[in-house]
Amino acid sequence: MRIALPKKKKKVSNYITPEGQKTLSKELTHLWKTKRPKVVRAVTEAAAMGDRSENAEYIEGKKLLRQIDSRMRFLQNRLNELTAVDRKPADTSKVFFGAWVELEDEDGNTFKYRIVGPDEIDPDKNFISIDSPMAKALIGKTEDDEVEVRRPNGTTEFTIISIRYM
């Protein structure tokens, strides 16, 4: 007989940019003031139709309400844990949280990334988590430093071209 041991939770950083904090707060407000009341009204209307055991609108509405409540609890707890990093580091010549970093790989390809909290990852904006292998390799480095990053397709070497903070 095998007993499944609980998986270790991956430790995630509790940093966030002010913009990211504002986005999560807006989502929480939207869920609480707009989306949840709308779903509650729909569930109430569906419940008034009679037999709830075969009422698809009622069942789906209750399911959606549980999802909304779960997300709201997560956001409330997460926002309480987070620390907004709202200023530049003392040494802006090094890569730290919030930095925009431009890199060049061995083939001359350039990449730009912003190091953000794990709640803000956005591939379309080139936002990478401070917990990612790339960010971990970059933290504390300066322009012209070379960093080696382990990636799924092997190890790649990058040169830091520029570092900037907004």
N, C-alpha and C. Protein backbone atom coordinates (compact mmCIF):
# COMPACT_ATOMS: atom_id res chain seq x y z
N MET A 1 0.84 -1.18 0.00
CA MET A 1 0.00 0.00 0.00
C MET A 1 0.89 1.25 0.00
N ARG A 2 0.64 2.14 -0.96
CA ARG A 2 1.40 3.39 -1.04
C ARG A 2 0.61 4.51 -0.43
N ILE A 3 1.29 5.31 0.33
CA ILE A 3 0.66 6.48 0.92
C ILE A 3 1.22 7.71 0.21
N ALA A 4 0.33 8.52 -0.32
CA ALA A 4 0.76 9.74 -1.01
C ALA A 4 1.11 10.80 0.02
N LEU A 5 2.31 11.29 -0.08
CA LEU A 5 2.74 12.37 0.80
C LEU A 5 2.33 13.69 0.18
N PRO A 6 1.99 14.66 1.01
CA PRO A 6 1.62 15.96 0.45
C PRO A 6 2.82 16.58 -0.28
N LYS A 7 2.53 17.19 -1.42
CA LYS A 7 3.58 17.83 -2.19
C LYS A 7 4.05 19.08 -1.45
N LYS A 8 5.34 19.32 -1.55
CA LYS A 8 5.88 20.54 -0.96
C LYS A 8 5.44 21.70 -1.82
N LYS A 9 4.95 22.74 -1.17
CA LYS A 9 4.57 23.94 -1.89
C LYS A 9 5.82 24.66 -2.33
N LYS A 10 5.83 25.06 -3.60
CA LYS A 10 6.96 25.85 -4.09
C LYS A 10 6.91 27.22 -3.44
N LYS A 11 8.04 27.66 -2.93
CA LYS A 11 8.09 28.98 -2.31
C LYS A 11 8.09 30.03 -3.40
N VAL A 12 7.17 30.95 -3.29
CA VAL A 12 7.10 32.05 -4.24
C VAL A 12 7.39 33.36 -3.52
N SER A 13 8.02 34.25 -4.27
CA SER A 13 8.35 35.55 -3.70
C SER A 13 7.09 36.35 -3.43
N ASN A 14 7.18 37.20 -2.44
CA ASN A 14 6.04 38.03 -2.07
C ASN A 14 6.22 39.48 -2.50
N TYR A 15 6.92 39.68 -3.60
CA TYR A 15 7.11 41.03 -4.13
C TYR A 15 6.16 41.27 -5.28
N ILE A 16 5.79 42.52 -5.44
CA ILE A 16 4.91 42.91 -6.54
C ILE A 16 5.19 44.37 -6.87
N THR A 17 5.00 44.73 -8.12
CA THR A 17 5.15 46.13 -8.50
C THR A 17 3.87 46.86 -8.10
N PRO A 18 3.91 48.18 -7.95
CA PRO A 18 2.69 48.92 -7.64
C PRO A 18 1.59 48.70 -8.69
N GLU A 19 2.00 48.59 -9.96
CA GLU A 19 1.03 48.35 -11.03
C GLU A 19 0.36 46.99 -10.87
N GLY A 20 1.16 45.99 -10.51
CA GLY A 20 0.63 44.65 -10.30
C GLY A 20 -0.32 44.60 -9.12
N GLN A 21 0.03 45.31 -8.05
CA GLN A 21 -0.83 45.37 -6.87
C GLN A 21 -2.16 46.02 -7.22
N LYS A 22 -2.10 47.09 -8.02
CA LYS A 22 -3.31 47.78 -8.44
C LYS A 22 -4.20 46.85 -9.29
N THR A 23 -3.59 46.07 -10.16
CA THR A 23 -4.34 45.13 -11.01
C THR A 23 -5.06 44.08 -10.17
N LEU A 24 -4.36 43.50 -9.19
CA LEU A 24 -4.99 42.49 -8.34
C LEU A 24 -6.11 43.12 -7.50
N SER A 25 -5.90 44.32 -7.00
CA SER A 25 -6.93 45.01 -6.21
C SER A 25 -8.16 45.31 -7.06
N LYS A 26 -7.93 45.73 -8.31
CA LYS A 26 -9.05 46.01 -9.21
C LYS A 26 -9.84 44.75 -9.51
N GLU A 27 -9.13 43.63 -9.69
CA GLU A 27 -9.82 42.36 -9.94
C GLU A 27 -10.68 41.98 -8.75
N LEU A 28 -10.13 42.12 -7.54
CA LEU A 28 -10.89 41.80 -6.33
C LEU A 28 -12.13 42.69 -6.22
N THR A 29 -11.98 43.97 -6.46
CA THR A 29 -13.11 44.91 -6.40
C THR A 29 -14.16 44.55 -7.44
N HIS A 30 -13.71 44.23 -8.66
CA HIS A 30 -14.65 43.85 -9.72
C HIS A 30 -15.44 42.60 -9.34
N LEU A 31 -14.74 41.60 -8.82
CA LEU A 31 -15.43 40.37 -8.40
C LEU A 31 -16.45 40.66 -7.31
N TRP A 32 -16.07 41.47 -6.32
CA TRP A 32 -16.92 41.74 -5.17
C TRP A 32 -18.11 42.63 -5.52
N LYS A 33 -17.87 43.68 -6.27
CA LYS A 33 -18.92 44.68 -6.51
C LYS A 33 -19.73 44.47 -7.78
N THR A 34 -19.18 43.75 -8.76
CA THR A 34 -19.88 43.61 -10.03
C THR A 34 -20.26 42.16 -10.32
N LYS A 35 -19.26 41.31 -10.43
CA LYS A 35 -19.52 39.95 -10.89
C LYS A 35 -20.30 39.11 -9.88
N ARG A 36 -19.91 39.13 -8.62
CA ARG A 36 -20.59 38.31 -7.61
C ARG A 36 -22.06 38.70 -7.45
N PRO A 37 -22.38 40.00 -7.33
CA PRO A 37 -23.80 40.36 -7.21
C PRO A 37 -24.64 39.91 -8.41
N LYS A 38 -24.04 39.99 -9.60
CA LYS A 38 -24.75 39.56 -10.81
C LYS A 38 -25.05 38.05 -10.76
N VAL A 39 -24.07 37.26 -10.33
CA VAL A 39 -24.25 35.81 -10.24
C VAL A 39 -25.23 35.47 -9.12
N VAL A 40 -25.18 36.18 -8.01
CA VAL A 40 -26.12 35.94 -6.91
C VAL A 40 -27.55 36.19 -7.39
N ARG A 41 -27.75 37.26 -8.15
CA ARG A 41 -29.10 37.53 -8.70
C ARG A 41 -29.56 36.40 -9.61
N ALA A 42 -28.65 35.92 -10.47
CA ALA A 42 -29.00 34.84 -11.39
C ALA A 42 -29.34 33.55 -10.63
N VAL A 43 -28.58 33.25 -9.59
CA VAL A 43 -28.84 32.05 -8.78
C VAL A 43 -30.17 32.19 -8.06
N THR A 44 -30.46 33.36 -7.54
CA THR A 44 -31.73 33.60 -6.85
C THR A 44 -32.91 33.40 -7.80
N GLU A 45 -32.78 33.94 -9.01
CA GLU A 45 -33.83 33.78 -10.01
C GLU A 45 -34.01 32.31 -10.40
N ALA A 46 -32.89 31.59 -10.56
CA ALA A 46 -32.96 30.18 -10.92
C ALA A 46 -33.57 29.36 -9.78
N ALA A 47 -33.28 29.72 -8.55
CA ALA A 47 -33.82 29.00 -7.40
C ALA A 47 -35.33 29.18 -7.31
N ALA A 48 -35.81 30.33 -7.74
CA ALA A 48 -37.25 30.61 -7.68
C ALA A 48 -38.04 29.78 -8.69
N MET A 49 -37.35 29.16 -9.64
CA MET A 49 -38.03 28.36 -10.66
C MET A 49 -38.48 27.00 -10.16
N GLY A 50 -38.10 26.63 -8.97
CA GLY A 50 -38.58 25.36 -8.44
C GLY A 50 -37.46 24.39 -8.15
N ASP A 51 -37.67 23.13 -8.58
CA ASP A 51 -36.76 22.02 -8.29
C ASP A 51 -35.31 22.35 -8.62
N ARG A 52 -34.49 22.44 -7.61
CA ARG A 52 -33.09 22.83 -7.80
C ARG A 52 -32.21 21.67 -8.25
N SER A 53 -32.63 20.43 -7.99
CA SER A 53 -31.79 19.28 -8.31
C SER A 53 -31.62 19.09 -9.82
N GLU A 54 -32.56 19.54 -10.61
CA GLU A 54 -32.46 19.39 -12.06
C GLU A 54 -32.43 20.75 -12.76
N ASN A 55 -32.12 21.77 -12.03
CA ASN A 55 -32.11 23.13 -12.56
C ASN A 55 -30.67 23.49 -12.94
N ALA A 56 -30.37 23.40 -14.25
CA ALA A 56 -29.00 23.61 -14.74
C ALA A 56 -28.51 25.02 -14.43
N GLU A 57 -29.37 26.01 -14.57
CA GLU A 57 -28.96 27.39 -14.30
C GLU A 57 -28.56 27.56 -12.83
N TYR A 58 -29.34 26.94 -11.96
CA TYR A 58 -29.05 27.02 -10.53
C TYR A 58 -27.73 26.32 -10.21
N ILE A 59 -27.55 25.12 -10.72
CA ILE A 59 -26.34 24.33 -10.44
C ILE A 59 -25.10 25.05 -10.98
N GLU A 60 -25.17 25.53 -12.21
CA GLU A 60 -24.03 26.24 -12.81
C GLU A 60 -23.75 27.55 -12.07
N GLY A 61 -24.81 28.25 -11.69
CA GLY A 61 -24.66 29.49 -10.95
C GLY A 61 -23.97 29.27 -9.61
N LYS A 62 -24.35 28.22 -8.90
CA LYS A 62 -23.73 27.90 -7.61
C LYS A 62 -22.25 27.54 -7.81
N LYS A 63 -21.97 26.81 -8.88
CA LYS A 63 -20.59 26.44 -9.18
C LYS A 63 -19.76 27.71 -9.45
N LEU A 64 -20.30 28.61 -10.26
CA LEU A 64 -19.61 29.86 -10.58
C LEU A 64 -19.41 30.71 -9.32
N LEU A 65 -20.40 30.72 -8.46
CA LEU A 65 -20.31 31.47 -7.21
C LEU A 65 -19.17 30.93 -6.32
N ARG A 66 -19.04 29.61 -6.26
CA ARG A 66 -17.94 29.01 -5.50
C ARG A 66 -16.59 29.40 -6.09
N GLN A 67 -16.50 29.42 -7.42
CA GLN A 67 -15.25 29.81 -8.07
C GLN A 67 -14.91 31.27 -7.78
N ILE A 68 -15.90 32.13 -7.85
CA ILE A 68 -15.69 33.55 -7.57
C ILE A 68 -15.24 33.73 -6.12
N ASP A 69 -15.94 33.07 -5.20
CA ASP A 69 -15.58 33.18 -3.78
C ASP A 69 -14.17 32.66 -3.52
N SER A 70 -13.81 31.58 -4.19
CA SER A 70 -12.47 31.01 -4.03
C SER A 70 -11.41 32.00 -4.53
N ARG A 71 -11.65 32.59 -5.69
CA ARG A 71 -10.70 33.55 -6.24
C ARG A 71 -10.60 34.79 -5.34
N MET A 72 -11.72 35.24 -4.81
CA MET A 72 -11.71 36.40 -3.92
C MET A 72 -10.91 36.11 -2.65
N ARG A 73 -11.08 34.91 -2.08
CA ARG A 73 -10.31 34.53 -0.89
C ARG A 73 -8.82 34.51 -1.21
N PHE A 74 -8.48 33.92 -2.37
CA PHE A 74 -7.08 33.87 -2.77
C PHE A 74 -6.51 35.28 -2.90
N LEU A 75 -7.23 36.17 -3.60
CA LEU A 75 -6.75 37.54 -3.81
C LEU A 75 -6.60 38.29 -2.49
N GLN A 76 -7.58 38.15 -1.59
CA GLN A 76 -7.48 38.82 -0.29
C GLN A 76 -6.26 38.35 0.48
N ASN A 77 -6.06 37.04 0.53
CA ASN A 77 -4.91 36.49 1.25
C ASN A 77 -3.60 36.89 0.59
N ARG A 78 -3.57 36.80 -0.73
CA ARG A 78 -2.33 37.12 -1.46
C ARG A 78 -1.98 38.60 -1.31
N LEU A 79 -2.95 39.48 -1.44
CA LEU A 79 -2.68 40.91 -1.29
C LEU A 79 -2.14 41.24 0.10
N ASN A 80 -2.60 40.52 1.11
CA ASN A 80 -2.09 40.73 2.47
C ASN A 80 -0.64 40.27 2.62
N GLU A 81 -0.22 39.28 1.82
CA GLU A 81 1.13 38.74 1.90
C GLU A 81 2.15 39.57 1.12
N LEU A 82 1.67 40.29 0.11
CA LEU A 82 2.57 40.95 -0.84
C LEU A 82 3.18 42.23 -0.30
N THR A 83 4.39 42.51 -0.78
CA THR A 83 5.08 43.75 -0.50
C THR A 83 5.29 44.47 -1.82
N ALA A 84 4.72 45.65 -1.94
CA ALA A 84 4.89 46.43 -3.16
C ALA A 84 6.25 47.11 -3.13
N VAL A 85 7.02 46.88 -4.18
CA VAL A 85 8.34 47.52 -4.31
C VAL A 85 8.13 48.75 -5.17
N ASP A 86 8.09 49.91 -4.51
CA ASP A 86 7.69 51.13 -5.20
C ASP A 86 8.83 52.13 -5.41
N ARG A 87 10.06 51.66 -5.26
CA ARG A 87 11.18 52.57 -5.51
C ARG A 87 12.33 51.83 -6.17
N LYS A 88 13.18 52.59 -6.82
CA LYS A 88 14.36 52.02 -7.48
C LYS A 88 15.36 51.59 -6.42
N PRO A 89 16.20 50.61 -6.74
CA PRO A 89 17.23 50.22 -5.79
C PRO A 89 18.30 51.31 -5.68
N ALA A 90 19.07 51.27 -4.63
CA ALA A 90 20.12 52.27 -4.43
C ALA A 90 21.16 52.20 -5.56
N ASP A 91 21.45 50.99 -6.03
CA ASP A 91 22.43 50.81 -7.10
C ASP A 91 21.71 50.38 -8.37
N THR A 92 21.38 51.34 -9.22
CA THR A 92 20.63 51.04 -10.45
C THR A 92 21.51 50.47 -11.56
N SER A 93 22.79 50.27 -11.28
CA SER A 93 23.66 49.65 -12.28
C SER A 93 23.57 48.12 -12.21
N LYS A 94 22.86 47.62 -11.20
CA LYS A 94 22.70 46.17 -11.05
C LYS A 94 21.25 45.77 -11.27
N VAL A 95 21.07 44.50 -11.62
CA VAL A 95 19.73 43.96 -11.85
C VAL A 95 19.09 43.58 -10.52
N PHE A 96 17.93 44.17 -10.27
CA PHE A 96 17.13 43.84 -9.10
C PHE A 96 15.67 43.76 -9.53
N PHE A 97 14.81 43.54 -8.57
CA PHE A 97 13.38 43.47 -8.83
C PHE A 97 12.91 44.74 -9.53
N GLY A 98 12.07 44.59 -10.55
CA GLY A 98 11.51 45.72 -11.27
C GLY A 98 12.33 46.19 -12.45
N ALA A 99 13.53 45.64 -12.62
CA ALA A 99 14.41 46.08 -13.70
C ALA A 99 13.93 45.59 -15.07
N TRP A 100 14.17 46.44 -16.06
CA TRP A 100 14.06 46.04 -17.47
C TRP A 100 15.48 45.67 -17.88
N VAL A 101 15.66 44.46 -18.39
CA VAL A 101 16.99 43.99 -18.75
C VAL A 101 16.98 43.59 -20.22
N GLU A 102 17.96 44.11 -20.95
CA GLU A 102 18.12 43.71 -22.35
C GLU A 102 19.32 42.78 -22.42
N LEU A 103 19.11 41.65 -23.09
CA LEU A 103 20.14 40.60 -23.17
C LEU A 103 20.43 40.25 -24.62
N GLU A 104 21.60 39.68 -24.81
CA GLU A 104 21.95 39.15 -26.13
C GLU A 104 22.45 37.72 -25.93
N ASP A 105 21.95 36.80 -26.77
CA ASP A 105 22.41 35.42 -26.64
C ASP A 105 23.63 35.18 -27.53
N GLU A 106 24.10 33.95 -27.53
CA GLU A 106 25.31 33.59 -28.27
C GLU A 106 25.18 33.82 -29.78
N ASP A 107 23.94 33.77 -30.29
CA ASP A 107 23.69 33.94 -31.73
C ASP A 107 23.43 35.38 -32.12
N GLY A 108 23.50 36.32 -31.16
CA GLY A 108 23.27 37.73 -31.45
C GLY A 108 21.80 38.16 -31.35
N ASN A 109 20.93 37.25 -30.92
CA ASN A 109 19.52 37.60 -30.73
C ASN A 109 19.36 38.41 -29.44
N THR A 110 18.52 39.44 -29.49
CA THR A 110 18.32 40.25 -28.28
C THR A 110 16.94 39.98 -27.68
N PHE A 111 16.87 40.12 -26.36
CA PHE A 111 15.65 39.89 -25.60
C PHE A 111 15.54 40.98 -24.55
N LYS A 112 14.30 41.41 -24.27
CA LYS A 112 14.06 42.36 -23.19
C LYS A 112 13.07 41.74 -22.22
N TYR A 113 13.41 41.79 -20.94
CA TYR A 113 12.54 41.25 -19.90
C TYR A 113 12.43 42.25 -18.76
N ARG A 114 11.29 42.21 -18.11
CA ARG A 114 11.13 42.96 -16.86
C ARG A 114 10.96 41.94 -15.74
N ILE A 115 11.69 42.11 -14.67
CA ILE A 115 11.62 41.18 -13.54
C ILE A 115 10.53 41.67 -12.59
N VAL A 116 9.50 40.84 -12.45
CA VAL A 116 8.33 41.19 -11.64
C VAL A 116 8.02 40.05 -10.67
N GLY A 117 6.98 40.24 -9.88
CA GLY A 117 6.55 39.21 -8.95
C GLY A 117 5.84 38.07 -9.67
N PRO A 118 5.72 36.92 -9.02
CA PRO A 118 5.09 35.76 -9.66
C PRO A 118 3.61 35.97 -10.01
N ASP A 119 2.97 36.95 -9.41
CA ASP A 119 1.56 37.22 -9.70
C ASP A 119 1.40 38.09 -10.94
N GLU A 120 2.50 38.55 -11.52
CA GLU A 120 2.44 39.51 -12.63
C GLU A 120 2.98 38.96 -13.94
N ILE A 121 3.36 37.71 -13.98
CA ILE A 121 3.96 37.13 -15.18
C ILE A 121 3.05 37.39 -16.38
N ASP A 122 3.66 37.88 -17.47
CA ASP A 122 2.90 38.16 -18.68
C ASP A 122 3.84 38.04 -19.88
N PRO A 123 3.80 36.89 -20.56
CA PRO A 123 4.69 36.69 -21.71
C PRO A 123 4.51 37.75 -22.81
N ASP A 124 3.30 38.25 -22.98
CA ASP A 124 3.05 39.26 -24.02
C ASP A 124 3.78 40.58 -23.73
N LYS A 125 3.98 40.86 -22.46
CA LYS A 125 4.68 42.09 -22.06
C LYS A 125 6.15 41.84 -21.73
N ASN A 126 6.58 40.58 -21.84
CA ASN A 126 7.94 40.16 -21.47
C ASN A 126 8.21 40.34 -19.98
N PHE A 127 7.19 40.13 -19.15
CA PHE A 127 7.34 40.16 -17.70
C PHE A 127 7.66 38.75 -17.23
N ILE A 128 8.81 38.60 -16.55
CA ILE A 128 9.19 37.29 -16.03
C ILE A 128 9.25 37.34 -14.50
N SER A 129 8.97 36.22 -13.89
CA SER A 129 8.96 36.13 -12.43
C SER A 129 10.36 36.20 -11.86
N ILE A 130 10.46 36.87 -10.74
CA ILE A 130 11.73 36.93 -10.01
C ILE A 130 12.17 35.53 -9.58
N ASP A 131 11.23 34.58 -9.56
CA ASP A 131 11.52 33.20 -9.18
C ASP A 131 11.97 32.34 -10.36
N SER A 132 11.95 32.89 -11.57
CA SER A 132 12.32 32.12 -12.76
C SER A 132 13.83 31.91 -12.82
N PRO A 133 14.27 30.85 -13.50
CA PRO A 133 15.71 30.63 -13.65
C PRO A 133 16.43 31.82 -14.31
N MET A 134 15.79 32.44 -15.29
CA MET A 134 16.40 33.60 -15.97
C MET A 134 16.62 34.73 -14.97
N ALA A 135 15.59 35.10 -14.22
CA ALA A 135 15.70 36.20 -13.26
C ALA A 135 16.73 35.88 -12.17
N LYS A 136 16.72 34.65 -11.69
CA LYS A 136 17.68 34.26 -10.65
C LYS A 136 19.12 34.41 -11.14
N ALA A 137 19.34 34.11 -12.43
CA ALA A 137 20.68 34.25 -13.00
C ALA A 137 21.06 35.72 -13.15
N LEU A 138 20.07 36.59 -13.36
CA LEU A 138 20.35 38.00 -13.62
C LEU A 138 20.52 38.86 -12.36
N ILE A 139 19.84 38.49 -11.27
CA ILE A 139 19.85 39.31 -10.06
C ILE A 139 21.29 39.59 -9.59
N GLY A 140 21.56 40.88 -9.38
CA GLY A 140 22.86 41.31 -8.87
C GLY A 140 23.91 41.53 -9.94
N LYS A 141 23.59 41.19 -11.18
CA LYS A 141 24.57 41.35 -12.26
C LYS A 141 24.52 42.77 -12.82
N THR A 142 25.56 43.14 -13.58
CA THR A 142 25.66 44.47 -14.18
C THR A 142 25.80 44.34 -15.70
N GLU A 143 25.76 45.50 -16.37
CA GLU A 143 25.94 45.51 -17.83
C GLU A 143 27.26 44.84 -18.19
N ASP A 144 27.24 44.14 -19.31
CA ASP A 144 28.39 43.40 -19.87
C ASP A 144 28.69 42.11 -19.12
N ASP A 145 27.99 41.82 -18.03
CA ASP A 145 28.17 40.53 -17.37
C ASP A 145 27.57 39.44 -18.25
N GLU A 146 28.19 38.27 -18.18
CA GLU A 146 27.64 37.12 -18.89
C GLU A 146 26.98 36.21 -17.87
N VAL A 147 25.81 35.70 -18.22
CA VAL A 147 25.08 34.80 -17.34
C VAL A 147 24.74 33.53 -18.10
N GLU A 148 24.74 32.44 -17.37
CA GLU A 148 24.40 31.16 -17.95
C GLU A 148 23.04 30.75 -17.38
N VAL A 149 22.12 30.42 -18.27
CA VAL A 149 20.77 30.08 -17.83
C VAL A 149 20.42 28.68 -18.31
N ARG A 150 20.00 27.86 -17.37
CA ARG A 150 19.52 26.51 -17.72
C ARG A 150 18.10 26.63 -18.23
N ARG A 151 17.89 26.11 -19.42
CA ARG A 151 16.57 26.15 -20.04
C ARG A 151 16.18 24.73 -20.41
N PRO A 152 14.90 24.49 -20.73
CA PRO A 152 14.48 23.13 -21.08
C PRO A 152 15.28 22.53 -22.25
N ASN A 153 15.71 23.38 -23.18
CA ASN A 153 16.45 22.86 -24.34
C ASN A 153 17.97 22.95 -24.16
N GLY A 154 18.42 23.14 -22.94
CA GLY A 154 19.85 23.20 -22.66
C GLY A 154 20.25 24.52 -22.02
N THR A 155 21.54 24.66 -21.80
CA THR A 155 22.07 25.87 -21.18
C THR A 155 22.39 26.90 -22.25
N THR A 156 22.02 28.15 -21.98
CA THR A 156 22.29 29.24 -22.91
C THR A 156 23.03 30.34 -22.16
N GLU A 157 23.99 30.95 -22.87
CA GLU A 157 24.73 32.05 -22.28
C GLU A 157 24.21 33.37 -22.85
N PHE A 158 24.02 34.33 -21.97
CA PHE A 158 23.55 35.65 -22.35
C PHE A 158 24.51 36.71 -21.84
N THR A 159 24.55 37.83 -22.56
CA THR A 159 25.31 39.00 -22.12
C THR A 159 24.31 40.10 -21.83
N ILE A 160 24.47 40.76 -20.69
CA ILE A 160 23.57 41.86 -20.33
C ILE A 160 23.99 43.10 -21.12
N ILE A 161 23.07 43.61 -21.93
CA ILE A 161 23.34 44.79 -22.75
C ILE A 161 22.98 46.06 -21.99
N SER A 162 21.81 46.05 -21.36
CA SER A 162 21.40 47.26 -20.62
C SER A 162 20.46 46.90 -19.48
N ILE A 163 20.44 47.80 -18.50
CA ILE A 163 19.56 47.66 -17.33
C ILE A 163 18.92 49.02 -17.12
N ARG A 164 17.61 49.02 -16.95
CA ARG A 164 16.96 50.31 -16.66
C ARG A 164 15.78 50.08 -15.72
N TYR A 165 15.46 51.13 -15.01
CA TYR A 165 14.33 51.12 -14.09
C TYR A 165 13.41 52.27 -14.48
N MET A 166 12.13 52.09 -14.31
CA MET A 166 11.18 53.14 -14.65
C MET A 166 10.83 53.94 -13.44
